[in-house]
PDB file of N, CA and C in Angstrom:
ATOM      1  N   MET A   1       0.836  -1.176   0.000  1.00  0.00           N
ATOM      2  CA  MET A   1      -0.039  -0.012  -0.004  1.00  0.00           C
ATOM      3  C   MET A   1       0.882   1.274   0.010  1.00  0.00           C
ATOM      4  N   ALA A   2       0.684   2.111  -0.916  1.00  0.00           N
ATOM      5  CA  ALA A   2       1.469   3.355  -1.036  1.00  0.00           C
ATOM      6  C   ALA A   2       0.929   4.369  -0.068  1.00  0.00           C
ATOM      7  N   TRP A   3       1.857   5.176   0.458  1.00  0.00           N
ATOM      8  CA  TRP A   3       1.472   6.252   1.374  1.00  0.00           C
ATOM      9  C   TRP A   3       1.010   7.430   0.497  1.00  0.00           C
ATOM     10  N   THR A   4      -0.020   8.109   0.979  1.00  0.00           N
ATOM     11  CA  THR A   4      -0.489   9.338   0.324  1.00  0.00           C
ATOM     12  C   THR A   4      -0.198  10.492   1.250  1.00  0.00           C
ATOM     13  N   ASP A   5      -0.368  11.717   0.752  1.00  0.00           N
ATOM     14  CA  ASP A   5      -0.144  12.910   1.595  1.00  0.00           C
ATOM     15  C   ASP A   5      -1.085  12.896   2.758  1.00  0.00           C
ATOM     16  N   ASP A   6      -2.271  12.389   2.624  1.00  0.00           N
ATOM     17  CA  ASP A   6      -3.222  12.303   3.723  1.00  0.00           C
ATOM     18  C   ASP A   6      -2.705  11.373   4.845  1.00  0.00           C
ATOM     19  N   ASP A   7      -1.966  10.340   4.468  1.00  0.00           N
ATOM     20  CA  ASP A   7      -1.427   9.418   5.463  1.00  0.00           C
ATOM     21  C   ASP A   7      -0.308  10.013   6.315  1.00  0.00           C
ATOM     22  N   ARG A   8       0.302  11.075   5.766  1.00  0.00           N
ATOM     23  CA  ARG A   8       1.501  11.668   6.389  1.00  0.00           C
ATOM     24  C   ARG A   8       1.150  12.622   7.510  1.00  0.00           C
ATOM     25  N   VAL A   9      -0.081  12.867   7.796  1.00  0.00           N
ATOM     26  CA  VAL A   9      -0.487  13.827   8.866  1.00  0.00           C
ATOM     27  C   VAL A   9      -1.372  13.151   9.820  1.00  0.00           C
ATOM     28  N   GLY A  10      -1.390  13.710  11.021  1.00  0.00           N
ATOM     29  CA  GLY A  10      -2.374  13.320  12.065  1.00  0.00           C
ATOM     30  C   GLY A  10      -2.163  11.947  12.570  1.00  0.00           C
ATOM     31  N   ALA A  11      -3.325  11.356  12.910  1.00  0.00           N
ATOM     32  CA  ALA A  11      -3.393  10.094  13.636  1.00  0.00           C
ATOM     33  C   ALA A  11      -2.841   8.927  12.820  1.00  0.00           C
ATOM     34  N   GLN A  12      -3.115   8.906  11.542  1.00  0.00           N
ATOM     35  CA  GLN A  12      -2.650   7.761  10.693  1.00  0.00           C
ATOM     36  C   GLN A  12      -1.143   7.653  10.771  1.00  0.00           C
ATOM     37  N   SER A  13      -0.455   8.755  10.545  1.00  0.00           N
ATOM     38  CA  SER A  13       0.990   8.751  10.584  1.00  0.00           C
ATOM     39  C   SER A  13       1.499   8.471  11.985  1.00  0.00           C
ATOM     40  N   ALA A  14       0.865   9.061  13.014  1.00  0.00           N
ATOM     41  CA  ALA A  14       1.291   8.873  14.369  1.00  0.00           C
ATOM     42  C   ALA A  14       1.190   7.424  14.779  1.00  0.00           C
ATOM     43  N   TYR A  15       0.062   6.779  14.394  1.00  0.00           N
ATOM     44  CA  TYR A  15      -0.177   5.410  14.722  1.00  0.00           C
ATOM     45  C   TYR A  15       0.863   4.493  14.084  1.00  0.00           C
ATOM     46  N   HIS A  16       1.133   4.709  12.812  1.00  0.00           N
ATOM     47  CA  HIS A  16       2.165   3.914  12.116  1.00  0.00           C
ATOM     48  C   HIS A  16       3.558   4.169  12.678  1.00  0.00           C
ATOM     49  N   SER A  17       3.843   5.385  13.069  1.00  0.00           N
ATOM     50  CA  SER A  17       5.115   5.713  13.658  1.00  0.00           C
ATOM     51  C   SER A  17       5.290   4.980  14.984  1.00  0.00           C
ATOM     52  N   ALA A  18       4.235   4.989  15.801  1.00  0.00           N
ATOM     53  CA  ALA A  18       4.278   4.245  17.110  1.00  0.00           C
ATOM     54  C   ALA A  18       4.527   2.759  16.894  1.00  0.00           C
ATOM     55  N   ILE A  19       3.863   2.199  15.910  1.00  0.00           N
ATOM     56  CA  ILE A  19       4.087   0.729  15.618  1.00  0.00           C
ATOM     57  C   ILE A  19       5.485   0.505  15.231  1.00  0.00           C
ATOM     58  N   ALA A  20       6.060   1.331  14.353  1.00  0.00           N
ATOM     59  CA  ALA A  20       7.427   1.175  13.884  1.00  0.00           C
ATOM     60  C   ALA A  20       8.411   1.265  15.040  1.00  0.00           C
ATOM     61  N   ILE A  21       8.245   2.225  15.928  1.00  0.00           N
ATOM     62  CA  ILE A  21       9.129   2.387  17.097  1.00  0.00           C
ATOM     63  C   ILE A  21       9.017   1.114  17.978  1.00  0.00           C
ATOM     64  N   GLU A  22       7.796   0.702  18.268  1.00  0.00           N
ATOM     65  CA  GLU A  22       7.553  -0.444  19.091  1.00  0.00           C
ATOM     66  C   GLU A  22       8.253  -1.679  18.508  1.00  0.00           C
ATOM     67  N   LEU A  23       8.031  -1.967  17.250  1.00  0.00           N
ATOM     68  CA  LEU A  23       8.587  -3.149  16.679  1.00  0.00           C
ATOM     69  C   LEU A  23      10.123  -3.133  16.590  1.00  0.00           C
ATOM     70  N   GLY A  24      10.678  -1.966  16.338  1.00  0.00           N
ATOM     71  CA  GLY A  24      12.143  -1.837  16.319  1.00  0.00           C
ATOM     72  C   GLY A  24      12.722  -2.130  17.698  1.00  0.00           C
ATOM     73  N   LEU A  25      12.185  -1.513  18.725  1.00  0.00           N
ATOM     74  CA  LEU A  25      12.622  -1.726  20.082  1.00  0.00           C
ATOM     75  C   LEU A  25      12.464  -3.174  20.522  1.00  0.00           C
ATOM     76  N   LYS A  26      11.317  -3.719  20.229  1.00  0.00           N
ATOM     77  CA  LYS A  26      11.052  -5.116  20.627  1.00  0.00           C
ATOM     78  C   LYS A  26      11.920  -6.103  19.848  1.00  0.00           C
ATOM     79  N   ALA A  27      12.289  -5.809  18.616  1.00  0.00           N
ATOM     80  CA  ALA A  27      13.162  -6.704  17.875  1.00  0.00           C
ATOM     81  C   ALA A  27      14.510  -6.807  18.596  1.00  0.00           C
ATOM     82  N   TYR A  28      15.032  -5.688  19.146  1.00  0.00           N
ATOM     83  CA  TYR A  28      16.253  -5.775  19.866  1.00  0.00           C
ATOM     84  C   TYR A  28      16.069  -6.567  21.158  1.00  0.00           C
ATOM     85  N   ILE A  29      14.971  -6.336  21.846  1.00  0.00           N
ATOM     86  CA  ILE A  29      14.703  -7.062  23.157  1.00  0.00           C
ATOM     87  C   ILE A  29      14.595  -8.586  22.884  1.00  0.00           C
ATOM     88  N   LEU A  30      13.873  -8.954  21.818  1.00  0.00           N
ATOM     89  CA  LEU A  30      13.756 -10.364  21.500  1.00  0.00           C
ATOM     90  C   LEU A  30      15.180 -10.950  21.146  1.00  0.00           C
ATOM     91  N   HIS A  31      15.919 -10.210  20.399  1.00  0.00           N
ATOM     92  CA  HIS A  31      17.250 -10.667  20.045  1.00  0.00           C
ATOM     93  C   HIS A  31      18.105 -10.915  21.294  1.00  0.00           C
ATOM     94  N   ARG A  32      17.903 -10.124  22.297  1.00  0.00           N
ATOM     95  CA  ARG A  32      18.678 -10.320  23.513  1.00  0.00           C
ATOM     96  C   ARG A  32      18.169 -11.425  24.442  1.00  0.00           C
ATOM     97  N   GLY A  33      17.156 -12.178  23.958  1.00  0.00           N
ATOM     98  CA  GLY A  33      16.769 -13.389  24.609  1.00  0.00           C
ATOM     99  C   GLY A  33      15.475 -13.345  25.378  1.00  0.00           C
ATOM    100  N   PHE A  34      14.756 -12.229  25.349  1.00  0.00           N
ATOM    101  CA  PHE A  34      13.440 -12.193  25.981  1.00  0.00           C
ATOM    102  C   PHE A  34      12.402 -12.747  25.033  1.00  0.00           C
ATOM    103  N   SER A  35      11.326 -13.347  25.595  1.00  0.00           N
ATOM    104  CA  SER A  35      10.352 -13.949  24.748  1.00  0.00           C
ATOM    105  C   SER A  35       9.312 -12.947  24.320  1.00  0.00           C
ATOM    106  N   ASP A  36       8.586 -13.309  23.268  1.00  0.00           N
ATOM    107  CA  ASP A  36       7.454 -12.495  22.812  1.00  0.00           C
ATOM    108  C   ASP A  36       6.405 -12.409  23.917  1.00  0.00           C
ATOM    109  N   ASP A  37       6.170 -13.505  24.617  1.00  0.00           N
ATOM    110  CA  ASP A  37       5.242 -13.501  25.732  1.00  0.00           C
ATOM    111  C   ASP A  37       5.683 -12.488  26.828  1.00  0.00           C
ATOM    112  N   TRP A  38       6.971 -12.458  27.133  1.00  0.00           N
ATOM    113  CA  TRP A  38       7.465 -11.523  28.103  1.00  0.00           C
ATOM    114  C   TRP A  38       7.200 -10.097  27.707  1.00  0.00           C
ATOM    115  N   THR A  39       7.527  -9.754  26.484  1.00  0.00           N
ATOM    116  CA  THR A  39       7.264  -8.400  25.972  1.00  0.00           C
ATOM    117  C   THR A  39       5.792  -8.079  26.015  1.00  0.00           C
ATOM    118  N   ARG A  40       4.944  -9.020  25.688  1.00  0.00           N
ATOM    119  CA  ARG A  40       3.497  -8.801  25.672  1.00  0.00           C
ATOM    120  C   ARG A  40       3.011  -8.548  27.087  1.00  0.00           C
ATOM    121  N   VAL A  41       3.537  -9.240  28.087  1.00  0.00           N
ATOM    122  CA  VAL A  41       3.036  -9.099  29.439  1.00  0.00           C
ATOM    123  C   VAL A  41       3.658  -7.874  30.130  1.00  0.00           C
ATOM    124  N   TRP A  42       4.953  -7.699  30.004  1.00  0.00           N
ATOM    125  CA  TRP A  42       5.654  -6.686  30.790  1.00  0.00           C
ATOM    126  C   TRP A  42       5.790  -5.342  30.060  1.00  0.00           C
ATOM    127  N   LEU A  43       5.825  -5.352  28.771  1.00  0.00           N
ATOM    128  CA  LEU A  43       6.014  -4.056  28.062  1.00  0.00           C
ATOM    129  C   LEU A  43       4.710  -3.598  27.448  1.00  0.00           C
ATOM    130  N   ARG A  44       3.946  -4.567  26.976  1.00  0.00           N
ATOM    131  CA  ARG A  44       2.698  -4.268  26.267  1.00  0.00           C
ATOM    132  C   ARG A  44       2.978  -3.265  25.128  1.00  0.00           C
ATOM    133  N   HIS A  45       2.269  -2.142  25.063  1.00  0.00           N
ATOM    134  CA  HIS A  45       2.532  -1.185  24.027  1.00  0.00           C
ATOM    135  C   HIS A  45       3.170   0.094  24.628  1.00  0.00           C
ATOM    136  N   ASP A  46       3.913  -0.050  25.727  1.00  0.00           N
ATOM    137  CA  ASP A  46       4.508   1.052  26.420  1.00  0.00           C
ATOM    138  C   ASP A  46       5.863   1.386  25.769  1.00  0.00           C
ATOM    139  N   LEU A  47       5.876   2.408  24.931  1.00  0.00           N
ATOM    140  CA  LEU A  47       7.123   2.786  24.198  1.00  0.00           C
ATOM    141  C   LEU A  47       8.188   3.273  25.154  1.00  0.00           C
ATOM    142  N   GLY A  48       7.816   4.001  26.148  1.00  0.00           N
ATOM    143  CA  GLY A  48       8.818   4.438  27.121  1.00  0.00           C
ATOM    144  C   GLY A  48       9.487   3.317  27.881  1.00  0.00           C
ATOM    145  N   LYS A  49       8.720   2.340  28.279  1.00  0.00           N
ATOM    146  CA  LYS A  49       9.232   1.183  29.001  1.00  0.00           C
ATOM    147  C   LYS A  49      10.110   0.369  28.059  1.00  0.00           C
ATOM    148  N   ALA A  50       9.719   0.226  26.794  1.00  0.00           N
ATOM    149  CA  ALA A  50      10.579  -0.556  25.851  1.00  0.00           C
ATOM    150  C   ALA A  50      11.855   0.212  25.610  1.00  0.00           C
ATOM    151  N   LEU A  51      11.818   1.509  25.544  1.00  0.00           N
ATOM    152  CA  LEU A  51      13.048   2.318  25.323  1.00  0.00           C
ATOM    153  C   LEU A  51      14.001   2.155  26.499  1.00  0.00           C
ATOM    154  N   ARG A  52      13.435   2.222  27.720  1.00  0.00           N
ATOM    155  CA  ARG A  52      14.291   1.983  28.873  1.00  0.00           C
ATOM    156  C   ARG A  52      14.880   0.646  28.919  1.00  0.00           C
ATOM    157  N   CYS A  53      14.118  -0.334  28.525  1.00  0.00           N
ATOM    158  CA  CYS A  53      14.572  -1.758  28.446  1.00  0.00           C
ATOM    159  C   CYS A  53      15.745  -1.938  27.502  1.00  0.00           C
ATOM    160  N   VAL A  54      15.637  -1.378  26.296  1.00  0.00           N
ATOM    161  CA  VAL A  54      16.739  -1.558  25.350  1.00  0.00           C
ATOM    162  C   VAL A  54      18.003  -0.860  25.802  1.00  0.00           C
ATOM    163  N   ARG A  55      17.864   0.278  26.484  1.00  0.00           N
ATOM    164  CA  ARG A  55      19.026   0.993  27.026  1.00  0.00           C
ATOM    165  C   ARG A  55      19.662   0.178  28.129  1.00  0.00           C
ATOM    166  N   MET A  56      18.840  -0.456  28.997  1.00  0.00           N
ATOM    167  CA  MET A  56      19.385  -1.295  30.111  1.00  0.00           C
ATOM    168  C   MET A  56      20.088  -2.508  29.501  1.00  0.00           C
ATOM    169  N   LEU A  57      19.686  -2.991  28.349  1.00  0.00           N
ATOM    170  CA  LEU A  57      20.276  -4.128  27.708  1.00  0.00           C
ATOM    171  C   LEU A  57      21.537  -3.766  26.900  1.00  0.00           C
ATOM    172  N   GLY A  58      21.900  -2.463  26.906  1.00  0.00           N
ATOM    173  CA  GLY A  58      23.160  -2.003  26.279  1.00  0.00           C
ATOM    174  C   GLY A  58      23.031  -1.434  24.928  1.00  0.00           C
ATOM    175  N   PHE A  59      21.802  -1.247  24.421  1.00  0.00           N
ATOM    176  CA  PHE A  59      21.647  -0.642  23.067  1.00  0.00           C
ATOM    177  C   PHE A  59      21.951   0.847  23.158  1.00  0.00           C
ATOM    178  N   GLU A  60      22.890   1.218  22.372  1.00  0.00           N
ATOM    179  CA  GLU A  60      23.387   2.618  22.361  1.00  0.00           C
ATOM    180  C   GLU A  60      22.996   3.393  21.133  1.00  0.00           C
ATOM    181  N   GLY A  61      22.189   2.819  20.251  1.00  0.00           N
ATOM    182  CA  GLY A  61      21.923   3.420  18.952  1.00  0.00           C
ATOM    183  C   GLY A  61      20.597   4.203  18.870  1.00  0.00           C
ATOM    184  N   VAL A  62      20.054   4.654  20.000  1.00  0.00           N
ATOM    185  CA  VAL A  62      18.795   5.387  19.939  1.00  0.00           C
ATOM    186  C   VAL A  62      19.050   6.774  19.349  1.00  0.00           C
ATOM    187  N   PRO A  63      18.461   7.055  18.183  1.00  0.00           N
ATOM    188  CA  PRO A  63      18.706   8.368  17.541  1.00  0.00           C
ATOM    189  C   PRO A  63      17.985   9.476  18.259  1.00  0.00           C
ATOM    190  N   ASP A  64      18.476  10.675  18.036  1.00  0.00           N
ATOM    191  CA  ASP A  64      17.870  11.886  18.542  1.00  0.00           C
ATOM    192  C   ASP A  64      16.430  11.923  18.078  1.00  0.00           C
ATOM    193  N   GLY A  65      15.491  12.293  18.909  1.00  0.00           N
ATOM    194  CA  GLY A  65      14.090  12.404  18.556  1.00  0.00           C
ATOM    195  C   GLY A  65      13.229  11.225  18.927  1.00  0.00           C
ATOM    196  N   ILE A  66      13.846  10.040  19.091  1.00  0.00           N
ATOM    197  CA  ILE A  66      13.020   8.880  19.403  1.00  0.00           C
ATOM    198  C   ILE A  66      12.430   8.944  20.792  1.00  0.00           C
ATOM    199  N   ALA A  67      13.183   9.397  21.781  1.00  0.00           N
ATOM    200  CA  ALA A  67      12.700   9.530  23.143  1.00  0.00           C
ATOM    201  C   ALA A  67      11.577  10.518  23.163  1.00  0.00           C
ATOM    202  N   GLU A  68      11.680  11.648  22.437  1.00  0.00           N
ATOM    203  CA  GLU A  68      10.625  12.625  22.412  1.00  0.00           C
ATOM    204  C   GLU A  68       9.373  12.066  21.740  1.00  0.00           C
ATOM    205  N   LEU A  69       9.502  11.331  20.693  1.00  0.00           N
ATOM    206  CA  LEU A  69       8.369  10.722  19.976  1.00  0.00           C
ATOM    207  C   LEU A  69       7.740   9.709  20.954  1.00  0.00           C
ATOM    208  N   ALA A  70       8.544   8.863  21.619  1.00  0.00           N
ATOM    209  CA  ALA A  70       7.976   7.862  22.546  1.00  0.00           C
ATOM    210  C   ALA A  70       7.228   8.530  23.704  1.00  0.00           C
ATOM    211  N   ASP A  71       7.738   9.699  24.160  1.00  0.00           N
ATOM    212  CA  ASP A  71       7.020  10.392  25.265  1.00  0.00           C
ATOM    213  C   ASP A  71       5.659  10.872  24.817  1.00  0.00           C
ATOM    214  N   VAL A  72       5.525  11.316  23.571  1.00  0.00           N
ATOM    215  CA  VAL A  72       4.241  11.837  23.110  1.00  0.00           C
ATOM    216  C   VAL A  72       3.364  10.686  22.656  1.00  0.00           C
ATOM    217  N   LEU A  73       3.887   9.803  21.839  1.00  0.00           N
ATOM    218  CA  LEU A  73       3.114   8.710  21.231  1.00  0.00           C
ATOM    219  C   LEU A  73       2.792   7.548  22.193  1.00  0.00           C
ATOM    220  N   GLY A  74       3.716   7.301  23.107  1.00  0.00           N
ATOM    221  CA  GLY A  74       3.542   6.136  23.960  1.00  0.00           C
ATOM    222  C   GLY A  74       2.224   6.056  24.722  1.00  0.00           C
ATOM    223  N   PRO A  75       1.877   7.074  25.456  1.00  0.00           N
ATOM    224  CA  PRO A  75       0.635   6.998  26.205  1.00  0.00           C
ATOM    225  C   PRO A  75      -0.600   6.891  25.297  1.00  0.00           C
ATOM    226  N   LEU A  76      -0.585   7.581  24.203  1.00  0.00           N
ATOM    227  CA  LEU A  76      -1.687   7.584  23.233  1.00  0.00           C
ATOM    228  C   LEU A  76      -1.775   6.218  22.526  1.00  0.00           C
ATOM    229  N   TYR A  77      -0.652   5.658  22.173  1.00  0.00           N
ATOM    230  CA  TYR A  77      -0.635   4.354  21.548  1.00  0.00           C
ATOM    231  C   TYR A  77      -1.079   3.276  22.495  1.00  0.00           C
ATOM    232  N   GLY A  78      -0.529   3.317  23.719  1.00  0.00           N
ATOM    233  CA  GLY A  78      -0.900   2.282  24.725  1.00  0.00           C
ATOM    234  C   GLY A  78      -2.372   2.321  25.126  1.00  0.00           C
ATOM    235  N   SER A  79      -2.989   3.480  25.104  1.00  0.00           N
ATOM    236  CA  SER A  79      -4.372   3.610  25.488  1.00  0.00           C
ATOM    237  C   SER A  79      -5.313   3.354  24.327  1.00  0.00           C
ATOM    238  N   GLY A  80      -4.813   3.234  23.076  1.00  0.00           N
ATOM    239  CA  GLY A  80      -5.652   3.053  21.915  1.00  0.00           C
ATOM    240  C   GLY A  80      -6.156   4.347  21.348  1.00  0.00           C
ATOM    241  N   ALA A  81      -5.748   5.490  21.873  1.00  0.00           N
ATOM    242  CA  ALA A  81      -6.259   6.776  21.384  1.00  0.00           C
ATOM    243  C   ALA A  81      -5.855   7.039  19.938  1.00  0.00           C
ATOM    244  N   LEU A  82      -4.658   6.548  19.554  1.00  0.00           N
ATOM    245  CA  LEU A  82      -4.239   6.805  18.154  1.00  0.00           C
ATOM    246  C   LEU A  82      -5.136   6.059  17.150  1.00  0.00           C
ATOM    247  N   ARG A  83      -5.723   4.997  17.602  1.00  0.00           N
ATOM    248  CA  ARG A  83      -6.594   4.200  16.691  1.00  0.00           C
ATOM    249  C   ARG A  83      -7.958   4.866  16.558  1.00  0.00           C
ATOM    250  N   THR A  84      -8.317   5.773  17.485  1.00  0.00           N
ATOM    251  CA  THR A  84      -9.617   6.414  17.466  1.00  0.00           C
ATOM    252  C   THR A  84      -9.631   7.728  16.702  1.00  0.00           C
ATOM    253  N   GLY A  85      -8.501   8.081  16.115  1.00  0.00           N
ATOM    254  CA  GLY A  85      -8.437   9.327  15.320  1.00  0.00           C
ATOM    255  C   GLY A  85      -7.826  10.462  16.019  1.00  0.00           C
ATOM    256  N   MET A  86      -7.258  10.330  17.220  1.00  0.00           N
ATOM    257  CA  MET A  86      -6.602  11.428  17.897  1.00  0.00           C
ATOM    258  C   MET A  86      -5.391  11.895  17.073  1.00  0.00           C
ATOM    259  N   LYS A  87      -5.233  13.188  16.906  1.00  0.00           N
ATOM    260  CA  LYS A  87      -4.121  13.722  16.124  1.00  0.00           C
ATOM    261  C   LYS A  87      -3.229  14.497  17.092  1.00  0.00           C
ATOM    262  N   PRO A  88      -2.146  13.848  17.520  1.00  0.00           N
ATOM    263  CA  PRO A  88      -1.258  14.491  18.459  1.00  0.00           C
ATOM    264  C   PRO A  88      -0.367  15.523  17.814  1.00  0.00           C
ATOM    265  N   ASP A  89       0.070  16.483  18.624  1.00  0.00           N
ATOM    266  CA  ASP A  89       1.053  17.425  18.172  1.00  0.00           C
ATOM    267  C   ASP A  89       2.452  16.717  18.369  1.00  0.00           C
ATOM    268  N   LEU A  90       3.106  16.369  17.291  1.00  0.00           N
ATOM    269  CA  LEU A  90       4.334  15.674  17.373  1.00  0.00           C
ATOM    270  C   LEU A  90       5.494  16.608  17.660  1.00  0.00           C
ATOM    271  N   PRO A  91       6.492  16.206  18.382  1.00  0.00           N
ATOM    272  CA  PRO A  91       7.624  17.091  18.761  1.00  0.00           C
ATOM    273  C   PRO A  91       8.593  17.323  17.595  1.00  0.00           C
ATOM    274  N   LEU A  92       8.372  16.605  16.470  1.00  0.00           N
ATOM    275  CA  LEU A  92       9.238  16.720  15.310  1.00  0.00           C
ATOM    276  C   LEU A  92       8.397  16.809  14.066  1.00  0.00           C
ATOM    277  N   PRO A  93       8.897  17.518  13.050  1.00  0.00           N
ATOM    278  CA  PRO A  93       8.181  17.524  11.750  1.00  0.00           C
ATOM    279  C   PRO A  93       8.118  16.100  11.224  1.00  0.00           C
ATOM    280  N   PRO A  94       7.103  15.766  10.420  1.00  0.00           N
ATOM    281  CA  PRO A  94       6.922  14.391   9.931  1.00  0.00           C
ATOM    282  C   PRO A  94       8.176  13.855   9.229  1.00  0.00           C
ATOM    283  N   GLU A  95       8.840  14.666   8.419  1.00  0.00           N
ATOM    284  CA  GLU A  95      10.044  14.174   7.669  1.00  0.00           C
ATOM    285  C   GLU A  95      11.162  13.802   8.707  1.00  0.00           C
ATOM    286  N   VAL A  96      11.317  14.638   9.705  1.00  0.00           N
ATOM    287  CA  VAL A  96      12.378  14.419  10.729  1.00  0.00           C
ATOM    288  C   VAL A  96      12.041  13.198  11.591  1.00  0.00           C
ATOM    289  N   ALA A  97      10.756  13.039  11.926  1.00  0.00           N
ATOM    290  CA  ALA A  97      10.317  11.885  12.679  1.00  0.00           C
ATOM    291  C   ALA A  97      10.546  10.601  11.865  1.00  0.00           C
ATOM    292  N   ASP A  98      10.203  10.609  10.585  1.00  0.00           N
ATOM    293  CA  ASP A  98      10.425   9.489   9.699  1.00  0.00           C
ATOM    294  C   ASP A  98      11.889   9.113   9.665  1.00  0.00           C
ATOM    295  N   HIS A  99      12.731  10.105   9.537  1.00  0.00           N
ATOM    296  CA  HIS A  99      14.194   9.865   9.459  1.00  0.00           C
ATOM    297  C   HIS A  99      14.686   9.283  10.790  1.00  0.00           C
ATOM    298  N   ALA A 100      14.219   9.782  11.915  1.00  0.00           N
ATOM    299  CA  ALA A 100      14.643   9.277  13.205  1.00  0.00           C
ATOM    300  C   ALA A 100      14.211   7.793  13.360  1.00  0.00           C
ATOM    301  N   ILE A 101      13.025   7.455  12.894  1.00  0.00           N
ATOM    302  CA  ILE A 101      12.519   6.081  13.069  1.00  0.00           C
ATOM    303  C   ILE A 101      13.327   5.178  12.113  1.00  0.00           C
ATOM    304  N   CYS A 102      13.614   5.626  10.858  1.00  0.00           N
ATOM    305  CA  CYS A 102      14.447   4.835   9.982  1.00  0.00           C
ATOM    306  C   CYS A 102      15.823   4.590  10.557  1.00  0.00           C
ATOM    307  N   ASP A 103      16.413   5.672  11.177  1.00  0.00           N
ATOM    308  CA  ASP A 103      17.666   5.512  11.845  1.00  0.00           C
ATOM    309  C   ASP A 103      17.614   4.519  12.987  1.00  0.00           C
ATOM    310  N   LEU A 104      16.525   4.522  13.757  1.00  0.00           N
ATOM    311  CA  LEU A 104      16.344   3.560  14.822  1.00  0.00           C
ATOM    312  C   LEU A 104      16.341   2.117  14.250  1.00  0.00           C
ATOM    313  N   LEU A 105      15.587   1.941  13.244  1.00  0.00           N
ATOM    314  CA  LEU A 105      15.469   0.554  12.668  1.00  0.00           C
ATOM    315  C   LEU A 105      16.778   0.145  12.121  1.00  0.00           C
ATOM    316  N   SER A 106      17.518   1.009  11.488  1.00  0.00           N
ATOM    317  CA  SER A 106      18.815   0.661  10.957  1.00  0.00           C
ATOM    318  C   SER A 106      19.812   0.369  12.097  1.00  0.00           C
ATOM    319  N   ALA A 107      19.758   1.123  13.163  1.00  0.00           N
ATOM    320  CA  ALA A 107      20.620   0.871  14.310  1.00  0.00           C
ATOM    321  C   ALA A 107      20.341  -0.445  14.968  1.00  0.00           C
ATOM    322  N   VAL A 108      19.081  -0.760  15.083  1.00  0.00           N
ATOM    323  CA  VAL A 108      18.685  -2.068  15.653  1.00  0.00           C
ATOM    324  C   VAL A 108      19.228  -3.197  14.762  1.00  0.00           C
ATOM    325  N   GLU A 109      19.006  -3.071  13.470  1.00  0.00           N
ATOM    326  CA  GLU A 109      19.467  -4.088  12.531  1.00  0.00           C
ATOM    327  C   GLU A 109      20.993  -4.254  12.677  1.00  0.00           C
ATOM    328  N   ALA A 110      21.749  -3.136  12.701  1.00  0.00           N
ATOM    329  CA  ALA A 110      23.175  -3.191  12.842  1.00  0.00           C
ATOM    330  C   ALA A 110      23.619  -3.851  14.185  1.00  0.00           C
ATOM    331  N   ALA A 111      22.952  -3.517  15.242  1.00  0.00           N
ATOM    332  CA  ALA A 111      23.303  -4.050  16.545  1.00  0.00           C
ATOM    333  C   ALA A 111      23.081  -5.524  16.581  1.00  0.00           C
ATOM    334  N   ILE A 112      21.968  -6.015  16.013  1.00  0.00           N
ATOM    335  CA  ILE A 112      21.672  -7.408  15.931  1.00  0.00           C
ATOM    336  C   ILE A 112      22.741  -8.162  15.160  1.00  0.00           C
ATOM    337  N   ARG A 113      23.121  -7.550  14.012  1.00  0.00           N
ATOM    338  CA  ARG A 113      24.134  -8.160  13.151  1.00  0.00           C
ATOM    339  C   ARG A 113      25.451  -8.260  13.863  1.00  0.00           C
ATOM    340  N   ILE A 114      25.845  -7.195  14.594  1.00  0.00           N
ATOM    341  CA  ILE A 114      27.110  -7.214  15.329  1.00  0.00           C
ATOM    342  C   ILE A 114      27.104  -8.218  16.453  1.00  0.00           C
ATOM    343  N   ASP A 115      25.978  -8.261  17.217  1.00  0.00           N
ATOM    344  CA  ASP A 115      25.838  -9.205  18.292  1.00  0.00           C
ATOM    345  C   ASP A 115      25.896 -10.650  17.809  1.00  0.00           C
ATOM    346  N   SER A 116      25.321 -10.888  16.604  1.00  0.00           N
ATOM    347  CA  SER A 116      25.327 -12.204  16.012  1.00  0.00           C
ATOM    348  C   SER A 116      26.668 -12.674  15.691  1.00  0.00           C
ATOM    349  N   ARG A 117      27.538 -11.742  15.196  1.00  0.00           N
ATOM    350  CA  ARG A 117      28.936 -12.105  14.881  1.00  0.00           C
ATOM    351  C   ARG A 117      29.715 -12.427  16.117  1.00  0.00           C
ATOM    352  N   ILE A 118      29.502 -11.669  17.164  1.00  0.00           N
ATOM    353  CA  ILE A 118      30.223 -11.833  18.424  1.00  0.00           C
ATOM    354  C   ILE A 118      29.902 -13.171  19.073  1.00  0.00           C
ATOM    355  N   ASP A 119      28.641 -13.594  18.943  1.00  0.00           N
ATOM    356  CA  ASP A 119      28.136 -14.828  19.568  1.00  0.00           C
ATOM    357  C   ASP A 119      28.704 -16.068  18.865  1.00  0.00           C
ATOM    358  N   ARG A 120      29.316 -15.946  17.735  1.00  0.00           N
ATOM    359  CA  ARG A 120      29.800 -17.112  17.011  1.00  0.00           C
ATOM    360  C   ARG A 120      31.084 -17.619  17.562  1.00  0.00           C
TER     361      ARG A 120
END
């Protein structure tokens, strides 16, 4: 599905951004040996908690802007408000937020790749 200009604003973009942040952080947590069940029970959709968890596990690749996005999106995402059409005021312009999220996903991928080489 291609993104349209309408998708890039408001709740639709915020919801997808929250999902991307959550999945990136949880990918690192799962890689470090925690189970999907553990993340479901203990982290749920709490972006702030997931961010703290990856930092405690030694992940140092959190790009600028991700903590701010997690602070704004986390409570709304966890409560389901983003799914009901709430349009939050994001702390970053959409293009900058997209870039920060892409950088997060790239950093997680690189960290997993490096950890996998060390474990051999």
